[in-house]
Amino acid sequence: MARRNRKYAVPGAAQGMQTFKADVMRREGYTVDPNHPDDVKYEVAKELGIPLQPGNNGGLTTESAGHIGGKIGGSMVREMIRLAQEQLAEKGNS
C-alpha cells in the first residue's frame, strides 16, 4: 500500500489521528509501535490472511487492501461515534 500524504482540514491533526489510531487498535488487541502506528496494518493483514509486506504490494487486489483498511478505519469510526455519543449524553445531563 502506498503511503498517502493526507491533508487534514485542521493543521496539525495528523499526529493526533496517528495517536488515536494507535490507541484504538491497541484496545482492539493489536500490538502497536507508538513510533510507527501505521505498521499495525501488517498485523491486521496477517490476521486476515492477506500477504501484505513492506514495500511494493502491487499483487494485492483492491478488495484485499480494502479489508485491511476497513478493519482499521471501521474500528476508528466506531470509537469516534462512541466518543461523540458520550459527549452528547454529558451535554444533555448538564
N, C-alpha and C. Protein backbone atom coordinates (compact mmCIF):
# COMPACT_ATOMS: atom_id res chain seq x y z
N MET A 1 0.84 -1.17 0.00
CA MET A 1 0.00 0.00 0.00
C MET A 1 0.88 1.23 0.00
N ALA A 2 0.56 2.15 -0.85
CA ALA A 2 1.33 3.37 -0.93
C ALA A 2 1.01 4.28 0.24
N ARG A 3 2.00 4.96 0.71
CA ARG A 3 1.77 5.95 1.75
C ARG A 3 1.18 7.18 1.08
N ARG A 4 0.13 7.68 1.69
CA ARG A 4 -0.51 8.86 1.13
C ARG A 4 -0.12 10.08 1.96
N ASN A 5 -0.10 11.20 1.29
CA ASN A 5 0.08 12.46 2.00
C ASN A 5 -1.31 13.02 2.26
N ARG A 6 -1.88 12.63 3.38
CA ARG A 6 -3.22 13.09 3.71
C ARG A 6 -3.18 14.56 4.10
N LYS A 7 -4.19 15.28 3.67
CA LYS A 7 -4.32 16.67 4.07
C LYS A 7 -5.54 16.78 4.95
N TYR A 8 -5.33 17.12 6.19
CA TYR A 8 -6.41 17.27 7.15
C TYR A 8 -6.91 18.70 7.14
N ALA A 9 -8.19 18.90 7.41
CA ALA A 9 -8.77 20.24 7.45
C ALA A 9 -8.19 21.07 8.59
N VAL A 10 -7.78 20.40 9.64
CA VAL A 10 -7.22 21.10 10.80
C VAL A 10 -5.70 20.90 10.79
N PRO A 11 -4.95 22.00 10.68
CA PRO A 11 -3.49 21.86 10.69
C PRO A 11 -3.02 21.17 11.97
N GLY A 12 -2.09 20.25 11.82
CA GLY A 12 -1.55 19.56 12.99
C GLY A 12 -2.36 18.35 13.43
N ALA A 13 -3.44 18.03 12.72
CA ALA A 13 -4.30 16.92 13.12
C ALA A 13 -3.67 15.55 12.82
N ALA A 14 -2.72 15.51 11.92
CA ALA A 14 -2.14 14.23 11.51
C ALA A 14 -1.57 13.45 12.69
N GLN A 15 -0.81 14.12 13.55
CA GLN A 15 -0.21 13.43 14.70
C GLN A 15 -1.29 12.92 15.64
N GLY A 16 -2.31 13.72 15.85
CA GLY A 16 -3.42 13.30 16.72
C GLY A 16 -4.15 12.09 16.16
N MET A 17 -4.32 12.04 14.85
CA MET A 17 -5.00 10.90 14.23
C MET A 17 -4.15 9.64 14.35
N GLN A 18 -2.84 9.78 14.21
CA GLN A 18 -1.96 8.62 14.36
C GLN A 18 -2.00 8.09 15.79
N THR A 19 -2.04 9.00 16.75
CA THR A 19 -2.13 8.61 18.15
C THR A 19 -3.47 7.94 18.42
N PHE A 20 -4.52 8.50 17.86
CA PHE A 20 -5.86 7.92 18.02
C PHE A 20 -5.90 6.51 17.43
N LYS A 21 -5.34 6.35 16.24
CA LYS A 21 -5.30 5.03 15.59
C LYS A 21 -4.56 4.02 16.48
N ALA A 22 -3.43 4.44 17.02
CA ALA A 22 -2.65 3.56 17.89
C ALA A 22 -3.46 3.15 19.11
N ASP A 23 -4.14 4.11 19.73
CA ASP A 23 -4.94 3.81 20.93
C ASP A 23 -6.09 2.85 20.62
N VAL A 24 -6.79 3.13 19.52
CA VAL A 24 -7.94 2.29 19.15
C VAL A 24 -7.48 0.87 18.83
N MET A 25 -6.45 0.73 18.05
CA MET A 25 -6.01 -0.60 17.65
C MET A 25 -5.40 -1.36 18.83
N ARG A 26 -4.79 -0.65 19.76
CA ARG A 26 -4.27 -1.30 20.98
C ARG A 26 -5.44 -1.87 21.78
N ARG A 27 -6.53 -1.07 21.89
CA ARG A 27 -7.72 -1.56 22.61
C ARG A 27 -8.38 -2.72 21.90
N GLU A 28 -8.17 -2.82 20.58
CA GLU A 28 -8.71 -3.94 19.81
C GLU A 28 -7.85 -5.20 19.99
N GLY A 29 -6.73 -5.05 20.68
CA GLY A 29 -5.89 -6.22 20.97
C GLY A 29 -4.66 -6.37 20.09
N TYR A 30 -4.35 -5.36 19.30
CA TYR A 30 -3.19 -5.43 18.42
C TYR A 30 -1.97 -4.83 19.10
N THR A 31 -0.80 -5.28 18.68
CA THR A 31 0.46 -4.73 19.15
C THR A 31 0.76 -3.52 18.28
N VAL A 32 0.90 -2.36 18.90
CA VAL A 32 1.12 -1.13 18.14
C VAL A 32 2.39 -0.45 18.63
N ASP A 33 3.30 -0.19 17.68
CA ASP A 33 4.51 0.56 17.98
C ASP A 33 4.12 2.04 17.98
N PRO A 34 4.22 2.73 19.12
CA PRO A 34 3.79 4.14 19.18
C PRO A 34 4.55 5.04 18.21
N ASN A 35 5.76 4.64 17.82
CA ASN A 35 6.52 5.43 16.86
C ASN A 35 6.11 5.17 15.41
N HIS A 36 5.45 4.04 15.18
CA HIS A 36 5.02 3.66 13.83
C HIS A 36 3.63 3.03 13.89
N PRO A 37 2.59 3.80 14.28
CA PRO A 37 1.26 3.21 14.44
C PRO A 37 0.69 2.68 13.13
N ASP A 38 1.16 3.21 12.01
CA ASP A 38 0.66 2.74 10.71
C ASP A 38 1.04 1.29 10.45
N ASP A 39 2.08 0.80 11.11
CA ASP A 39 2.54 -0.57 10.89
C ASP A 39 1.58 -1.62 11.44
N VAL A 40 0.55 -1.20 12.17
CA VAL A 40 -0.44 -2.15 12.67
C VAL A 40 -1.14 -2.85 11.50
N LYS A 41 -1.09 -2.23 10.32
CA LYS A 41 -1.74 -2.82 9.14
C LYS A 41 -1.15 -4.19 8.81
N TYR A 42 0.13 -4.40 9.12
CA TYR A 42 0.74 -5.70 8.84
C TYR A 42 0.18 -6.79 9.75
N GLU A 43 -0.08 -6.43 11.00
CA GLU A 43 -0.66 -7.39 11.94
C GLU A 43 -2.11 -7.70 11.55
N VAL A 44 -2.84 -6.67 11.14
CA VAL A 44 -4.22 -6.87 10.70
C VAL A 44 -4.24 -7.74 9.46
N ALA A 45 -3.36 -7.47 8.51
CA ALA A 45 -3.29 -8.25 7.27
C ALA A 45 -2.99 -9.72 7.57
N LYS A 46 -2.07 -9.96 8.47
CA LYS A 46 -1.71 -11.34 8.84
C LYS A 46 -2.93 -12.05 9.41
N GLU A 47 -3.67 -11.36 10.31
CA GLU A 47 -4.87 -11.95 10.92
C GLU A 47 -5.91 -12.30 9.86
N LEU A 48 -6.00 -11.45 8.82
CA LEU A 48 -6.99 -11.66 7.76
C LEU A 48 -6.49 -12.62 6.68
N GLY A 49 -5.23 -13.04 6.79
CA GLY A 49 -4.67 -13.96 5.79
C GLY A 49 -4.30 -13.27 4.49
N ILE A 50 -3.98 -11.99 4.56
CA ILE A 50 -3.61 -11.21 3.38
C ILE A 50 -2.09 -11.00 3.40
N PRO A 51 -1.40 -11.36 2.32
CA PRO A 51 0.07 -11.30 2.31
C PRO A 51 0.62 -9.89 2.09
N LEU A 52 0.37 -8.99 3.01
CA LEU A 52 0.89 -7.62 2.92
C LEU A 52 2.31 -7.59 3.45
N GLN A 53 3.20 -6.99 2.70
CA GLN A 53 4.60 -6.89 3.08
C GLN A 53 5.05 -5.44 2.93
N PRO A 54 6.06 -5.02 3.69
CA PRO A 54 6.61 -3.67 3.47
C PRO A 54 7.12 -3.57 2.03
N GLY A 55 6.93 -2.44 1.43
CA GLY A 55 7.38 -2.25 0.05
C GLY A 55 6.24 -2.37 -0.93
N ASN A 56 6.55 -2.89 -2.09
CA ASN A 56 5.58 -2.98 -3.18
C ASN A 56 4.61 -4.14 -2.96
N ASN A 57 3.34 -3.84 -2.98
CA ASN A 57 2.31 -4.86 -2.85
C ASN A 57 1.38 -4.81 -4.06
N GLY A 58 1.99 -4.61 -5.23
CA GLY A 58 1.23 -4.47 -6.47
C GLY A 58 0.38 -5.68 -6.80
N GLY A 59 0.69 -6.83 -6.20
CA GLY A 59 -0.08 -8.04 -6.48
C GLY A 59 -1.35 -8.15 -5.65
N LEU A 60 -1.52 -7.27 -4.67
CA LEU A 60 -2.73 -7.32 -3.85
C LEU A 60 -3.91 -6.77 -4.63
N THR A 61 -5.05 -7.37 -4.42
CA THR A 61 -6.25 -6.85 -5.05
C THR A 61 -6.74 -5.65 -4.24
N THR A 62 -7.54 -4.84 -4.89
CA THR A 62 -8.15 -3.70 -4.20
C THR A 62 -9.02 -4.19 -3.06
N GLU A 63 -9.68 -5.30 -3.29
CA GLU A 63 -10.55 -5.88 -2.25
C GLU A 63 -9.74 -6.26 -1.01
N SER A 64 -8.60 -6.90 -1.21
CA SER A 64 -7.75 -7.29 -0.08
C SER A 64 -7.26 -6.08 0.69
N ALA A 65 -6.79 -5.07 -0.04
CA ALA A 65 -6.31 -3.85 0.61
C ALA A 65 -7.46 -3.18 1.37
N GLY A 66 -8.65 -3.22 0.80
CA GLY A 66 -9.82 -2.64 1.45
C GLY A 66 -10.19 -3.35 2.74
N HIS A 67 -9.99 -4.66 2.77
CA HIS A 67 -10.27 -5.41 4.00
C HIS A 67 -9.37 -4.94 5.14
N ILE A 68 -8.11 -4.69 4.82
CA ILE A 68 -7.16 -4.24 5.84
C ILE A 68 -7.55 -2.84 6.32
N GLY A 69 -7.71 -1.91 5.39
CA GLY A 69 -8.08 -0.55 5.75
C GLY A 69 -9.44 -0.46 6.41
N GLY A 70 -10.36 -1.30 5.97
CA GLY A 70 -11.70 -1.30 6.55
C GLY A 70 -11.70 -1.74 7.99
N LYS A 71 -10.89 -2.71 8.31
CA LYS A 71 -10.81 -3.19 9.70
C LYS A 71 -10.26 -2.09 10.60
N ILE A 72 -9.24 -1.39 10.13
CA ILE A 72 -8.63 -0.32 10.93
C ILE A 72 -9.56 0.89 10.98
N GLY A 73 -9.99 1.35 9.82
CA GLY A 73 -10.86 2.52 9.76
C GLY A 73 -12.19 2.29 10.45
N GLY A 74 -12.75 1.10 10.29
CA GLY A 74 -14.02 0.79 10.94
C GLY A 74 -13.91 0.87 12.45
N SER A 75 -12.81 0.38 12.98
CA SER A 75 -12.59 0.45 14.43
C SER A 75 -12.47 1.90 14.89
N MET A 76 -11.80 2.71 14.08
CA MET A 76 -11.63 4.12 14.43
C MET A 76 -12.98 4.85 14.39
N VAL A 77 -13.78 4.58 13.37
CA VAL A 77 -15.08 5.24 13.25
C VAL A 77 -16.00 4.83 14.40
N ARG A 78 -16.02 3.54 14.74
CA ARG A 78 -16.85 3.10 15.87
C ARG A 78 -16.46 3.83 17.16
N GLU A 79 -15.16 4.01 17.37
CA GLU A 79 -14.70 4.71 18.57
C GLU A 79 -15.09 6.19 18.52
N MET A 80 -14.99 6.82 17.34
CA MET A 80 -15.38 8.22 17.21
C MET A 80 -16.87 8.39 17.51
N ILE A 81 -17.69 7.48 17.03
CA ILE A 81 -19.12 7.54 17.29
C ILE A 81 -19.39 7.36 18.78
N ARG A 82 -18.70 6.42 19.40
CA ARG A 82 -18.88 6.20 20.84
C ARG A 82 -18.52 7.47 21.62
N LEU A 83 -17.41 8.10 21.26
CA LEU A 83 -16.98 9.32 21.94
C LEU A 83 -17.99 10.45 21.74
N ALA A 84 -18.51 10.59 20.52
CA ALA A 84 -19.49 11.64 20.24
C ALA A 84 -20.77 11.40 21.03
N GLN A 85 -21.22 10.14 21.10
CA GLN A 85 -22.42 9.83 21.88
C GLN A 85 -22.21 10.14 23.36
N GLU A 86 -21.03 9.83 23.84
CA GLU A 86 -20.68 10.12 25.23
C GLU A 86 -20.74 11.62 25.50
N GLN A 87 -20.18 12.41 24.60
CA GLN A 87 -20.18 13.87 24.74
C GLN A 87 -21.61 14.42 24.69
N LEU A 88 -22.44 13.88 23.80
CA LEU A 88 -23.82 14.34 23.71
C LEU A 88 -24.60 14.00 24.98
N ALA A 89 -24.35 12.82 25.52
CA ALA A 89 -25.02 12.43 26.76
C ALA A 89 -24.60 13.34 27.91
N GLU A 90 -23.33 13.70 27.96
CA GLU A 90 -22.84 14.60 29.01
C GLU A 90 -23.46 15.99 28.86
N LYS A 91 -23.60 16.45 27.62
CA LYS A 91 -24.23 17.75 27.37
C LYS A 91 -25.68 17.75 27.82
N GLY A 92 -26.37 16.64 27.58
CA GLY A 92 -27.76 16.52 27.96
C GLY A 92 -27.96 16.49 29.46
N ASN A 93 -26.95 16.05 30.19
CA ASN A 93 -27.05 15.97 31.66
C ASN A 93 -26.63 17.25 32.35
N SER A 94 -26.12 18.22 31.59
CA SER A 94 -25.66 19.45 32.25
C SER A 94 -26.65 20.58 32.13
